[in-house]
Amino acid sequence: MFGDARRNRRPKATNRTRSTGPTTRRIYGALLFSALVLSCGGSTSDYLLRADKLRAAGNLSEAELLYRKAIQREPTLAAAYNGLALLQLDQPGKQPEAIESFRRALQLDPGNVRVKRTLAELDLTAYLALPSRPLRLYEEATKLIGELLAADPKDFDGLRLRGTLAVAERKPAEAITYFRQAHAVSPAGNYDATLGLARSLLENGEFNEGERVTRGILEHNKTFEAAYDLLYAAYVQSNQSGKAEAILHEKVIGTNKVSAHIQLAAHLRRSGNLAASEAEIAGIPSGTPDADLHIGDFYVGVQEWDKALRRFEAGAGPSRSRHRRSGRDQLRVQHPGPRG
């Protein structure tokens, strides 16, 4: 009798039983995948093909395992290092690792123009972003850009990057020359070189030509925000307040973005036109995603706490960003009551 009762008694739930959830299952799945990769056969090309497909599908951890497995089997396979580098570029904070992987890929395949372009761009971007201005990045970028242009004097990326390098070297006339050449061969819809040319012209004191080139970009692409911002900065610096305000109105119409409305509202407020600034904020279309949160940030910036709090309250929800909700909660503590 007691034996039957013991057999029929349900076991108590333990912490181990209850801990199995989505996170645990993902960990077990990753471990199982790793075990399968390490144990299964297949050629190096099979690993590489599967890794490329996984990377394209966003399964980065599984793809990395396969790239590394391919490298383990064939250490001189440039394509595996290239795939690994592209994967690392998609992961925040892994740009230095991506640069090293691209370097290895280029060592193994020195004639790969695509890798050379990518590595040159990464080197130059990192060089300009780091306050220490690492000499190695500068020298490597210069060398790679030189090789690109030696192989093809009309290489768009080579010319564009050489212009950017000239800007970093404070050689505006040289930058203009390279950007003009890049602009002449730029692919349809690519305005990077044209914007670089416009910026260099403005910085070199050739205001009218810089304005004309930037306007040319906007004639073809009215949603290109960087062109509006370049003209706005140029007009502000040259004390052309009317043109500065007008270009922001154009940006609002051309992009129809909340950020453009807020930028115009901020300009109007700085100009002392508070009524027009408030009208611009009020004119932001209702239902625009995260509009209340962005407007809340705007009011925090101008220290209008009650308006900021109301906007954060209106915009906070389960799908909204955590830091905006945190900002709302901090405002409640710091400014709990109405302010006169």
C-alpha atoms as a PDB file:
ATOM      1  CA  MET A   1       0.000   0.000   0.000  1.00  0.00           C
ATOM      2  CA  PHE A   2       2.682   2.469   1.004  1.00  0.00           C
ATOM      3  CA  GLY A   3       4.741   1.349  -1.982  1.00  0.00           C
ATOM      4  CA  ASP A   4       1.851   2.166  -4.363  1.00  0.00           C
ATOM      5  CA  ALA A   5       1.444   5.621  -2.770  1.00  0.00           C
ATOM      6  CA  ARG A   6       5.115   6.365  -3.194  1.00  0.00           C
ATOM      7  CA  ARG A   7       4.998   5.298  -6.835  1.00  0.00           C
ATOM      8  CA  ASN A   8       1.966   7.513  -7.556  1.00  0.00           C
ATOM      9  CA  ARG A   9       3.296  10.572  -5.713  1.00  0.00           C
ATOM     10  CA  ARG A  10       4.353  13.341  -8.119  1.00  0.00           C
ATOM     11  CA  PRO A  11       7.895  14.574  -7.664  1.00  0.00           C
ATOM     12  CA  LYS A  12       8.262  18.068  -6.307  1.00  0.00           C
ATOM     13  CA  ALA A  13       9.376  20.746  -8.712  1.00  0.00           C
ATOM     14  CA  THR A  14      12.994  21.665  -8.212  1.00  0.00           C
ATOM     15  CA  ASN A  15      14.863  24.772  -9.177  1.00  0.00           C
ATOM     16  CA  ARG A  16      16.555  22.819 -11.932  1.00  0.00           C
ATOM     17  CA  THR A  17      13.215  21.742 -13.376  1.00  0.00           C
ATOM     18  CA  ARG A  18      11.811  25.264 -13.262  1.00  0.00           C
ATOM     19  CA  SER A  19      14.897  26.926 -14.736  1.00  0.00           C
ATOM     20  CA  THR A  20      14.370  25.526 -18.218  1.00  0.00           C
ATOM     21  CA  GLY A  21      13.246  28.483 -20.276  1.00  0.00           C
ATOM     22  CA  PRO A  22      13.911  30.192 -23.589  1.00  0.00           C
ATOM     23  CA  THR A  23      17.385  31.381 -22.533  1.00  0.00           C
ATOM     24  CA  THR A  24      18.393  27.945 -21.287  1.00  0.00           C
ATOM     25  CA  ARG A  25      17.080  26.323 -24.440  1.00  0.00           C
ATOM     26  CA  ARG A  26      19.080  28.755 -26.567  1.00  0.00           C
ATOM     27  CA  ILE A  27      22.238  27.911 -24.631  1.00  0.00           C
ATOM     28  CA  TYR A  28      21.595  24.179 -25.009  1.00  0.00           C
ATOM     29  CA  GLY A  29      20.901  24.724 -28.705  1.00  0.00           C
ATOM     30  CA  ALA A  30      24.157  26.601 -29.211  1.00  0.00           C
ATOM     31  CA  LEU A  31      26.103  23.919 -27.359  1.00  0.00           C
ATOM     32  CA  LEU A  32      24.449  21.202 -29.410  1.00  0.00           C
ATOM     33  CA  PHE A  33      25.220  23.086 -32.624  1.00  0.00           C
ATOM     34  CA  SER A  34      28.844  23.454 -31.548  1.00  0.00           C
ATOM     35  CA  ALA A  35      29.091  19.755 -30.824  1.00  0.00           C
ATOM     36  CA  LEU A  36      27.612  18.889 -34.206  1.00  0.00           C
ATOM     37  CA  VAL A  37      29.993  21.238 -36.017  1.00  0.00           C
ATOM     38  CA  LEU A  38      33.010  19.793 -34.270  1.00  0.00           C
ATOM     39  CA  SER A  39      31.948  16.205 -34.826  1.00  0.00           C
ATOM     40  CA  CYS A  40      30.467  16.215 -38.309  1.00  0.00           C
ATOM     41  CA  GLY A  41      32.395  15.839 -41.509  1.00  0.00           C
ATOM     42  CA  GLY A  42      32.192  17.827 -44.706  1.00  0.00           C
ATOM     43  CA  SER A  43      34.553  19.710 -46.921  1.00  0.00           C
ATOM     44  CA  THR A  44      35.934  23.168 -46.199  1.00  0.00           C
ATOM     45  CA  SER A  45      33.796  24.601 -49.000  1.00  0.00           C
ATOM     46  CA  ASP A  46      30.715  23.080 -47.310  1.00  0.00           C
ATOM     47  CA  TYR A  47      31.559  24.873 -44.060  1.00  0.00           C
ATOM     48  CA  LEU A  48      32.098  28.122 -45.922  1.00  0.00           C
ATOM     49  CA  LEU A  49      28.834  27.864 -47.860  1.00  0.00           C
ATOM     50  CA  ARG A  50      26.828  27.084 -44.726  1.00  0.00           C
ATOM     51  CA  ALA A  51      28.563  29.909 -42.825  1.00  0.00           C
ATOM     52  CA  ASP A  52      27.701  32.421 -45.544  1.00  0.00           C
ATOM     53  CA  LYS A  53      24.055  31.364 -45.468  1.00  0.00           C
ATOM     54  CA  LEU A  54      23.903  31.585 -41.670  1.00  0.00           C
ATOM     55  CA  ARG A  55      25.517  35.032 -41.688  1.00  0.00           C
ATOM     56  CA  ALA A  56      23.024  36.246 -44.288  1.00  0.00           C
ATOM     57  CA  ALA A  57      20.209  34.917 -42.090  1.00  0.00           C
ATOM     58  CA  GLY A  58      21.571  36.729 -39.039  1.00  0.00           C
ATOM     59  CA  ASN A  59      22.731  33.621 -37.174  1.00  0.00           C
ATOM     60  CA  LEU A  60      26.087  35.167 -36.360  1.00  0.00           C
ATOM     61  CA  SER A  61      27.302  32.886 -33.564  1.00  0.00           C
ATOM     62  CA  GLU A  62      26.662  29.728 -35.597  1.00  0.00           C
ATOM     63  CA  ALA A  63      28.229  31.308 -38.692  1.00  0.00           C
ATOM     64  CA  GLU A  64      31.343  32.272 -36.740  1.00  0.00           C
ATOM     65  CA  LEU A  65      31.808  28.696 -35.573  1.00  0.00           C
ATOM     66  CA  LEU A  66      31.726  27.471 -39.150  1.00  0.00           C
ATOM     67  CA  TYR A  67      34.102  30.170 -40.420  1.00  0.00           C
ATOM     68  CA  ARG A  68      36.565  29.267 -37.684  1.00  0.00           C
ATOM     69  CA  LYS A  69      36.141  25.584 -38.465  1.00  0.00           C
ATOM     70  CA  ALA A  70      36.921  26.308 -42.124  1.00  0.00           C
ATOM     71  CA  ILE A  71      40.020  28.277 -41.080  1.00  0.00           C
ATOM     72  CA  GLN A  72      41.076  25.442 -38.777  1.00  0.00           C
ATOM     73  CA  ARG A  73      40.888  23.022 -41.679  1.00  0.00           C
ATOM     74  CA  GLU A  74      42.436  25.349 -44.244  1.00  0.00           C
ATOM     75  CA  PRO A  75      44.401  28.222 -42.610  1.00  0.00           C
ATOM     76  CA  THR A  76      45.202  29.849 -45.954  1.00  0.00           C
ATOM     77  CA  LEU A  77      41.581  30.193 -47.089  1.00  0.00           C
ATOM     78  CA  ALA A  78      41.154  33.932 -47.698  1.00  0.00           C
ATOM     79  CA  ALA A  79      37.387  33.652 -48.229  1.00  0.00           C
ATOM     80  CA  ALA A  80      36.912  32.319 -44.693  1.00  0.00           C
ATOM     81  CA  TYR A  81      38.758  35.286 -43.182  1.00  0.00           C
ATOM     82  CA  ASN A  82      36.759  37.625 -45.392  1.00  0.00           C
ATOM     83  CA  GLY A  83      33.466  36.085 -44.271  1.00  0.00           C
ATOM     84  CA  LEU A  84      34.573  36.239 -40.637  1.00  0.00           C
ATOM     85  CA  ALA A  85      35.493  39.910 -41.057  1.00  0.00           C
ATOM     86  CA  LEU A  86      32.113  40.766 -42.576  1.00  0.00           C
ATOM     87  CA  LEU A  87      30.429  38.968 -39.700  1.00  0.00           C
ATOM     88  CA  GLN A  88      32.481  40.905 -37.144  1.00  0.00           C
ATOM     89  CA  LEU A  89      31.494  44.178 -38.796  1.00  0.00           C
ATOM     90  CA  ASP A  90      27.868  43.363 -37.971  1.00  0.00           C
ATOM     91  CA  GLN A  91      28.684  43.069 -34.258  1.00  0.00           C
ATOM     92  CA  PRO A  92      29.051  46.187 -32.085  1.00  0.00           C
ATOM     93  CA  GLY A  93      32.561  46.728 -30.764  1.00  0.00           C
ATOM     94  CA  LYS A  94      34.209  44.227 -33.071  1.00  0.00           C
ATOM     95  CA  GLN A  95      35.556  46.601 -35.709  1.00  0.00           C
ATOM     96  CA  PRO A  96      39.195  46.124 -34.558  1.00  0.00           C
ATOM     97  CA  GLU A  97      38.781  42.354 -34.943  1.00  0.00           C
ATOM     98  CA  ALA A  98      37.210  42.870 -38.369  1.00  0.00           C
ATOM     99  CA  ILE A  99      40.193  44.945 -39.452  1.00  0.00           C
ATOM    100  CA  GLU A 100      42.575  42.176 -38.393  1.00  0.00           C
ATOM    101  CA  SER A 101      40.509  39.559 -40.244  1.00  0.00           C
ATOM    102  CA  PHE A 102      40.444  41.695 -43.408  1.00  0.00           C
ATOM    103  CA  ARG A 103      44.203  42.144 -43.129  1.00  0.00           C
ATOM    104  CA  ARG A 104      44.685  38.394 -43.015  1.00  0.00           C
ATOM    105  CA  ALA A 105      42.303  37.926 -45.965  1.00  0.00           C
ATOM    106  CA  LEU A 106      44.276  40.459 -47.993  1.00  0.00           C
ATOM    107  CA  GLN A 107      47.592  38.835 -47.086  1.00  0.00           C
ATOM    108  CA  LEU A 108      46.266  35.564 -48.465  1.00  0.00           C
ATOM    109  CA  ASP A 109      44.652  37.169 -51.533  1.00  0.00           C
ATOM    110  CA  PRO A 110      46.545  40.419 -52.327  1.00  0.00           C
ATOM    111  CA  GLY A 111      44.632  40.979 -55.558  1.00  0.00           C
ATOM    112  CA  ASN A 112      41.192  41.132 -53.965  1.00  0.00           C
ATOM    113  CA  VAL A 113      40.092  44.686 -54.796  1.00  0.00           C
ATOM    114  CA  ARG A 114      36.870  44.466 -52.778  1.00  0.00           C
ATOM    115  CA  VAL A 115      38.719  43.545 -49.592  1.00  0.00           C
ATOM    116  CA  LYS A 116      41.303  46.252 -50.291  1.00  0.00           C
ATOM    117  CA  ARG A 117      38.575  48.893 -50.607  1.00  0.00           C
ATOM    118  CA  THR A 118      36.831  47.744 -47.452  1.00  0.00           C
ATOM    119  CA  LEU A 119      40.014  47.641 -45.389  1.00  0.00           C
ATOM    120  CA  ALA A 120      41.090  51.082 -46.632  1.00  0.00           C
ATOM    121  CA  GLU A 121      37.710  52.534 -45.622  1.00  0.00           C
ATOM    122  CA  LEU A 122      37.811  50.879 -42.193  1.00  0.00           C
ATOM    123  CA  ASP A 123      41.367  52.060 -41.570  1.00  0.00           C
ATOM    124  CA  LEU A 124      40.525  55.631 -42.522  1.00  0.00           C
ATOM    125  CA  THR A 125      37.270  55.669 -40.525  1.00  0.00           C
ATOM    126  CA  ALA A 126      39.015  54.335 -37.426  1.00  0.00           C
ATOM    127  CA  TYR A 127      41.922  56.745 -37.885  1.00  0.00           C
ATOM    128  CA  LEU A 128      39.586  59.759 -38.032  1.00  0.00           C
ATOM    129  CA  ALA A 129      37.481  58.531 -35.099  1.00  0.00           C
ATOM    130  CA  LEU A 130      40.339  57.899 -32.670  1.00  0.00           C
ATOM    131  CA  PRO A 131      41.832  60.955 -30.912  1.00  0.00           C
ATOM    132  CA  SER A 132      45.234  59.232 -30.835  1.00  0.00           C
ATOM    133  CA  ARG A 133      45.325  59.110 -34.676  1.00  0.00           C
ATOM    134  CA  PRO A 134      47.178  55.754 -34.864  1.00  0.00           C
ATOM    135  CA  LEU A 135      49.990  56.026 -37.413  1.00  0.00           C
ATOM    136  CA  ARG A 136      49.588  52.420 -38.538  1.00  0.00           C
ATOM    137  CA  LEU A 137      46.004  53.027 -39.659  1.00  0.00           C
ATOM    138  CA  TYR A 138      47.010  56.158 -41.572  1.00  0.00           C
ATOM    139  CA  GLU A 139      49.938  54.472 -43.297  1.00  0.00           C
ATOM    140  CA  GLU A 140      47.955  51.375 -44.214  1.00  0.00           C
ATOM    141  CA  ALA A 141      45.023  53.428 -45.560  1.00  0.00           C
ATOM    142  CA  THR A 142      47.399  55.582 -47.615  1.00  0.00           C
ATOM    143  CA  LYS A 143      49.115  52.518 -49.045  1.00  0.00           C
ATOM    144  CA  LEU A 144      45.866  50.739 -49.956  1.00  0.00           C
ATOM    145  CA  ILE A 145      44.316  53.824 -51.531  1.00  0.00           C
ATOM    146  CA  GLY A 146      47.482  54.318 -53.563  1.00  0.00           C
ATOM    147  CA  GLU A 147      47.304  50.735 -54.790  1.00  0.00           C
ATOM    148  CA  LEU A 148      43.664  51.133 -55.792  1.00  0.00           C
ATOM    149  CA  LEU A 149      44.393  54.246 -57.845  1.00  0.00           C
ATOM    150  CA  ALA A 150      47.554  52.775 -59.350  1.00  0.00           C
ATOM    151  CA  ALA A 151      45.510  49.838 -60.636  1.00  0.00           C
ATOM    152  CA  ASP A 152      42.625  52.047 -61.792  1.00  0.00           C
ATOM    153  CA  PRO A 153      42.969  55.867 -61.741  1.00  0.00           C
ATOM    154  CA  LYS A 154      39.166  56.138 -62.027  1.00  0.00           C
ATOM    155  CA  ASP A 155      38.381  53.830 -59.103  1.00  0.00           C
ATOM    156  CA  PHE A 156      35.473  55.621 -57.399  1.00  0.00           C
ATOM    157  CA  ASP A 157      36.236  54.444 -53.871  1.00  0.00           C
ATOM    158  CA  GLY A 158      39.930  55.112 -54.310  1.00  0.00           C
ATOM    159  CA  LEU A 159      39.265  58.700 -55.402  1.00  0.00           C
ATOM    160  CA  ARG A 160      36.643  59.281 -52.711  1.00  0.00           C
ATOM    161  CA  LEU A 161      38.883  57.921 -49.962  1.00  0.00           C
ATOM    162  CA  ARG A 162      41.868  59.891 -51.263  1.00  0.00           C
ATOM    163  CA  GLY A 163      39.767  63.036 -51.032  1.00  0.00           C
ATOM    164  CA  THR A 164      38.787  62.165 -47.460  1.00  0.00           C
ATOM    165  CA  LEU A 165      42.437  61.555 -46.634  1.00  0.00           C
ATOM    166  CA  ALA A 166      43.336  64.975 -48.048  1.00  0.00           C
ATOM    167  CA  VAL A 167      40.713  66.552 -45.782  1.00  0.00           C
ATOM    168  CA  ALA A 168      42.353  64.832 -42.795  1.00  0.00           C
ATOM    169  CA  GLU A 169      45.717  66.137 -43.985  1.00  0.00           C
ATOM    170  CA  ARG A 170      44.254  69.685 -44.147  1.00  0.00           C
ATOM    171  CA  LYS A 171      44.803  69.936 -47.888  1.00  0.00           C
ATOM    172  CA  PRO A 172      41.459  71.347 -49.107  1.00  0.00           C
ATOM    173  CA  ALA A 173      42.600  72.098 -52.669  1.00  0.00           C
ATOM    174  CA  GLU A 174      43.838  68.535 -53.085  1.00  0.00           C
ATOM    175  CA  ALA A 175      40.629  67.204 -51.532  1.00  0.00           C
ATOM    176  CA  ILE A 176      38.583  69.213 -54.052  1.00  0.00           C
ATOM    177  CA  THR A 177      40.574  67.737 -56.932  1.00  0.00           C
ATOM    178  CA  TYR A 178      40.009  64.141 -55.836  1.00  0.00           C
ATOM    179  CA  PHE A 179      36.355  64.675 -54.930  1.00  0.00           C
ATOM    180  CA  ARG A 180      35.715  66.258 -58.339  1.00  0.00           C
ATOM    181  CA  GLN A 181      37.206  63.206 -60.037  1.00  0.00           C
ATOM    182  CA  ALA A 182      35.176  60.879 -57.817  1.00  0.00           C
ATOM    183  CA  HIS A 183      32.014  62.888 -58.480  1.00  0.00           C
ATOM    184  CA  ALA A 184      32.577  62.474 -62.233  1.00  0.00           C
ATOM    185  CA  VAL A 185      32.579  58.665 -61.956  1.00  0.00           C
ATOM    186  CA  SER A 186      30.223  58.248 -58.974  1.00  0.00           C
ATOM    187  CA  PRO A 187      27.589  55.492 -59.223  1.00  0.00           C
ATOM    188  CA  ALA A 188      24.003  56.619 -59.638  1.00  0.00           C
ATOM    189  CA  GLY A 189      22.462  57.522 -56.304  1.00  0.00           C
ATOM    190  CA  ASN A 190      25.787  57.698 -54.451  1.00  0.00           C
ATOM    191  CA  TYR A 191      26.352  61.225 -53.146  1.00  0.00           C
ATOM    192  CA  ASP A 192      29.223  60.607 -50.723  1.00  0.00           C
ATOM    193  CA  ALA A 193      31.893  62.075 -53.008  1.00  0.00           C
ATOM    194  CA  THR A 194      29.629  64.942 -54.067  1.00  0.00           C
ATOM    195  CA  LEU A 195      28.948  65.847 -50.450  1.00  0.00           C
ATOM    196  CA  GLY A 196      32.680  65.659 -49.736  1.00  0.00           C
ATOM    197  CA  LEU A 197      33.290  67.998 -52.657  1.00  0.00           C
ATOM    198  CA  ALA A 198      30.672  70.472 -51.419  1.00  0.00           C
ATOM    199  CA  ARG A 199      32.063  70.429 -47.891  1.00  0.00           C
ATOM    200  CA  SER A 200      35.621  70.949 -49.134  1.00  0.00           C
ATOM    201  CA  LEU A 201      34.550  73.855 -51.333  1.00  0.00           C
ATOM    202  CA  LEU A 202      32.798  75.547 -48.419  1.00  0.00           C
ATOM    203  CA  GLU A 203      35.761  74.995 -46.114  1.00  0.00           C
ATOM    204  CA  ASN A 204      38.081  76.408 -48.798  1.00  0.00           C
ATOM    205  CA  GLY A 205      36.069  79.632 -48.961  1.00  0.00           C
ATOM    206  CA  GLU A 206      34.369  78.816 -52.284  1.00  0.00           C
ATOM    207  CA  PHE A 207      30.923  79.454 -50.842  1.00  0.00           C
ATOM    208  CA  ASN A 208      28.860  79.924 -53.987  1.00  0.00           C
ATOM    209  CA  GLU A 209      30.273  76.818 -55.667  1.00  0.00           C
ATOM    210  CA  GLY A 210      29.835  74.742 -52.500  1.00  0.00           C
ATOM    211  CA  GLU A 211      26.245  75.924 -52.205  1.00  0.00           C
ATOM    212  CA  ARG A 212      25.596  75.118 -55.872  1.00  0.00           C
ATOM    213  CA  VAL A 213      26.988  71.578 -55.566  1.00  0.00           C
ATOM    214  CA  THR A 214      24.965  70.890 -52.412  1.00  0.00           C
ATOM    215  CA  ARG A 215      21.807  72.220 -54.050  1.00  0.00           C
ATOM    216  CA  GLY A 216      22.497  69.868 -56.925  1.00  0.00           C
ATOM    217  CA  ILE A 217      22.378  66.917 -54.527  1.00  0.00           C
ATOM    218  CA  LEU A 218      18.999  68.009 -53.184  1.00  0.00           C
ATOM    219  CA  GLU A 219      17.595  68.389 -56.675  1.00  0.00           C
ATOM    220  CA  HIS A 220      18.175  64.675 -57.169  1.00  0.00           C
ATOM    221  CA  ASN A 221      17.454  63.461 -53.642  1.00  0.00           C
ATOM    222  CA  LYS A 222      15.260  65.571 -51.380  1.00  0.00           C
ATOM    223  CA  THR A 223      15.577  63.072 -48.510  1.00  0.00           C
ATOM    224  CA  PHE A 224      19.379  63.387 -48.173  1.00  0.00           C
ATOM    225  CA  GLU A 225      19.584  64.873 -44.672  1.00  0.00           C
ATOM    226  CA  ALA A 226      23.344  65.469 -44.653  1.00  0.00           C
ATOM    227  CA  ALA A 227      23.029  67.919 -47.562  1.00  0.00           C
ATOM    228  CA  TYR A 228      20.438  70.006 -45.688  1.00  0.00           C
ATOM    229  CA  ASP A 229      22.621  70.006 -42.577  1.00  0.00           C
ATOM    230  CA  LEU A 230      25.696  71.075 -44.542  1.00  0.00           C
ATOM    231  CA  LEU A 231      23.853  74.056 -46.019  1.00  0.00           C
ATOM    232  CA  TYR A 232      22.290  74.942 -42.672  1.00  0.00           C
ATOM    233  CA  ALA A 233      25.702  75.022 -40.976  1.00  0.00           C
ATOM    234  CA  ALA A 234      27.137  77.106 -43.828  1.00  0.00           C
ATOM    235  CA  TYR A 235      24.297  79.625 -43.610  1.00  0.00           C
ATOM    236  CA  VAL A 236      24.570  79.919 -39.818  1.00  0.00           C
ATOM    237  CA  GLN A 237      28.343  80.435 -40.008  1.00  0.00           C
ATOM    238  CA  SER A 238      27.911  83.118 -42.665  1.00  0.00           C
ATOM    239  CA  ASN A 239      25.153  84.855 -40.630  1.00  0.00           C
ATOM    240  CA  GLN A 240      22.489  84.226 -43.263  1.00  0.00           C
ATOM    241  CA  SER A 241      19.677  83.558 -40.785  1.00  0.00           C
ATOM    242  CA  GLY A 242      16.908  83.780 -43.392  1.00  0.00           C
ATOM    243  CA  LYS A 243      18.513  81.114 -45.569  1.00  0.00           C
ATOM    244  CA  ALA A 244      19.263  79.003 -42.500  1.00  0.00           C
ATOM    245  CA  GLU A 245      15.607  78.937 -41.501  1.00  0.00           C
ATOM    246  CA  ALA A 246      14.486  78.388 -45.098  1.00  0.00           C
ATOM    247  CA  ILE A 247      16.692  75.316 -45.583  1.00  0.00           C
ATOM    248  CA  LEU A 248      15.234  73.767 -42.422  1.00  0.00           C
ATOM    249  CA  HIS A 249      11.719  74.338 -43.762  1.00  0.00           C
ATOM    250  CA  GLU A 250      12.839  72.559 -46.938  1.00  0.00           C
ATOM    251  CA  LYS A 251      14.216  69.709 -44.851  1.00  0.00           C
ATOM    252  CA  VAL A 252      10.888  69.290 -43.046  1.00  0.00           C
ATOM    253  CA  ILE A 253       9.054  69.074 -46.370  1.00  0.00           C
ATOM    254  CA  GLY A 254      11.669  66.876 -48.054  1.00  0.00           C
ATOM    255  CA  THR A 255      12.210  64.337 -45.280  1.00  0.00           C
ATOM    256  CA  ASN A 256       8.972  64.557 -43.258  1.00  0.00           C
ATOM    257  CA  LYS A 257      10.871  63.369 -40.177  1.00  0.00           C
ATOM    258  CA  VAL A 258      10.216  64.243 -36.543  1.00  0.00           C
ATOM    259  CA  SER A 259      13.893  65.128 -36.153  1.00  0.00           C
ATOM    260  CA  ALA A 260      13.589  67.754 -38.916  1.00  0.00           C
ATOM    261  CA  HIS A 261      10.585  69.372 -37.206  1.00  0.00           C
ATOM    262  CA  ILE A 262      12.477  69.456 -33.908  1.00  0.00           C
ATOM    263  CA  GLN A 263      15.600  70.895 -35.539  1.00  0.00           C
ATOM    264  CA  LEU A 264      13.497  73.710 -37.010  1.00  0.00           C
ATOM    265  CA  ALA A 265      11.744  74.265 -33.682  1.00  0.00           C
ATOM    266  CA  ALA A 266      15.111  74.534 -31.922  1.00  0.00           C
ATOM    267  CA  HIS A 267      16.334  77.053 -34.507  1.00  0.00           C
ATOM    268  CA  LEU A 268      13.201  79.170 -34.110  1.00  0.00           C
ATOM    269  CA  ARG A 269      13.589  79.099 -30.328  1.00  0.00           C
ATOM    270  CA  ARG A 270      17.216  80.215 -30.559  1.00  0.00           C
ATOM    271  CA  SER A 271      16.066  83.016 -32.843  1.00  0.00           C
ATOM    272  CA  GLY A 272      13.645  84.185 -30.143  1.00  0.00           C
ATOM    273  CA  ASN A 273      10.506  83.107 -31.998  1.00  0.00           C
ATOM    274  CA  LEU A 274       8.974  80.954 -29.253  1.00  0.00           C
ATOM    275  CA  ALA A 275       5.461  81.009 -30.712  1.00  0.00           C
ATOM    276  CA  ALA A 276       6.663  79.675 -34.064  1.00  0.00           C
ATOM    277  CA  SER A 277       8.770  77.067 -32.275  1.00  0.00           C
ATOM    278  CA  GLU A 278       5.776  75.789 -30.318  1.00  0.00           C
ATOM    279  CA  ALA A 279       3.656  75.831 -33.481  1.00  0.00           C
ATOM    280  CA  GLU A 280       6.268  73.687 -35.246  1.00  0.00           C
ATOM    281  CA  ILE A 281       6.190  71.141 -32.411  1.00  0.00           C
ATOM    282  CA  ALA A 282       2.393  71.139 -32.423  1.00  0.00           C
ATOM    283  CA  GLY A 283       2.431  70.523 -36.177  1.00  0.00           C
ATOM    284  CA  ILE A 284       4.243  67.205 -35.902  1.00  0.00           C
ATOM    285  CA  PRO A 285       1.800  64.588 -37.255  1.00  0.00           C
ATOM    286  CA  SER A 286       0.105  62.627 -34.502  1.00  0.00           C
ATOM    287  CA  GLY A 287       0.766  58.917 -34.514  1.00  0.00           C
ATOM    288  CA  THR A 288       4.350  59.315 -35.713  1.00  0.00           C
ATOM    289  CA  PRO A 289       6.387  56.523 -34.004  1.00  0.00           C
ATOM    290  CA  ASP A 290       8.232  57.773 -30.906  1.00  0.00           C
ATOM    291  CA  ALA A 291       7.295  61.393 -31.656  1.00  0.00           C
ATOM    292  CA  ASP A 292       6.377  62.126 -28.025  1.00  0.00           C
ATOM    293  CA  LEU A 293       9.649  60.684 -26.798  1.00  0.00           C
ATOM    294  CA  HIS A 294      11.738  62.794 -29.192  1.00  0.00           C
ATOM    295  CA  ILE A 295       9.724  65.891 -28.296  1.00  0.00           C
ATOM    296  CA  GLY A 296      10.248  65.059 -24.627  1.00  0.00           C
ATOM    297  CA  ASP A 297      13.987  65.029 -25.245  1.00  0.00           C
ATOM    298  CA  PHE A 298      13.668  68.429 -26.923  1.00  0.00           C
ATOM    299  CA  TYR A 299      11.901  69.910 -23.906  1.00  0.00           C
ATOM    300  CA  VAL A 300      14.489  68.427 -21.568  1.00  0.00           C
ATOM    301  CA  GLY A 301      17.149  70.193 -23.622  1.00  0.00           C
ATOM    302  CA  VAL A 302      15.427  73.556 -23.125  1.00  0.00           C
ATOM    303  CA  GLN A 303      14.644  72.729 -19.471  1.00  0.00           C
ATOM    304  CA  GLU A 304      10.864  72.840 -19.776  1.00  0.00           C
ATOM    305  CA  TRP A 305      10.353  69.990 -17.374  1.00  0.00           C
ATOM    306  CA  ASP A 306       6.549  69.870 -17.219  1.00  0.00           C
ATOM    307  CA  LYS A 307       6.220  69.673 -20.991  1.00  0.00           C
ATOM    308  CA  ALA A 308       8.945  67.057 -21.129  1.00  0.00           C
ATOM    309  CA  LEU A 309       7.239  64.951 -18.480  1.00  0.00           C
ATOM    310  CA  ARG A 310       3.880  65.110 -20.250  1.00  0.00           C
ATOM    311  CA  ARG A 311       5.468  64.017 -23.517  1.00  0.00           C
ATOM    312  CA  PHE A 312       7.363  61.176 -21.856  1.00  0.00           C
ATOM    313  CA  GLU A 313       4.147  60.043 -20.164  1.00  0.00           C
ATOM    314  CA  ALA A 314       2.326  60.098 -23.489  1.00  0.00           C
ATOM    315  CA  GLY A 315       5.071  58.231 -25.316  1.00  0.00           C
ATOM    316  CA  ALA A 316       6.141  55.688 -22.704  1.00  0.00           C
ATOM    317  CA  GLY A 317       4.844  52.176 -23.262  1.00  0.00           C
ATOM    318  CA  PRO A 318       5.937  48.542 -23.376  1.00  0.00           C
ATOM    319  CA  SER A 319       7.426  48.933 -26.857  1.00  0.00           C
ATOM    320  CA  ARG A 320       9.293  52.169 -26.099  1.00  0.00           C
ATOM    321  CA  SER A 321      12.942  52.505 -25.258  1.00  0.00           C
ATOM    322  CA  ARG A 322      14.001  51.873 -21.674  1.00  0.00           C
ATOM    323  CA  HIS A 323      16.225  54.935 -21.370  1.00  0.00           C
ATOM    324  CA  ARG A 324      13.328  57.243 -22.333  1.00  0.00           C
ATOM    325  CA  ARG A 325      11.162  55.665 -19.603  1.00  0.00           C
ATOM    326  CA  SER A 326      14.076  56.105 -17.230  1.00  0.00           C
ATOM    327  CA  GLY A 327      14.277  59.782 -18.192  1.00  0.00           C
ATOM    328  CA  ARG A 328      10.577  60.145 -17.497  1.00  0.00           C
ATOM    329  CA  ASP A 329      10.963  58.561 -14.061  1.00  0.00           C
ATOM    330  CA  GLN A 330      13.928  60.795 -13.210  1.00  0.00           C
ATOM    331  CA  LEU A 331      11.917  63.872 -14.144  1.00  0.00           C
ATOM    332  CA  ARG A 332       9.184  62.744 -11.768  1.00  0.00           C
ATOM    333  CA  VAL A 333      11.717  62.696  -8.934  1.00  0.00           C
ATOM    334  CA  GLN A 334      13.563  65.889  -9.827  1.00  0.00           C
ATOM    335  CA  HIS A 335      10.486  67.953 -10.761  1.00  0.00           C
ATOM    336  CA  PRO A 336       7.522  66.385  -8.941  1.00  0.00           C
ATOM    337  CA  GLY A 337       5.188  69.350  -8.919  1.00  0.00           C
ATOM    338  CA  PRO A 338       3.941  72.069 -11.236  1.00  0.00           C
ATOM    339  CA  ARG A 339       6.377  74.832 -11.992  1.00  0.00           C
ATOM    340  CA  GLY A 340       5.334  78.410 -12.313  1.00  0.00           C
END
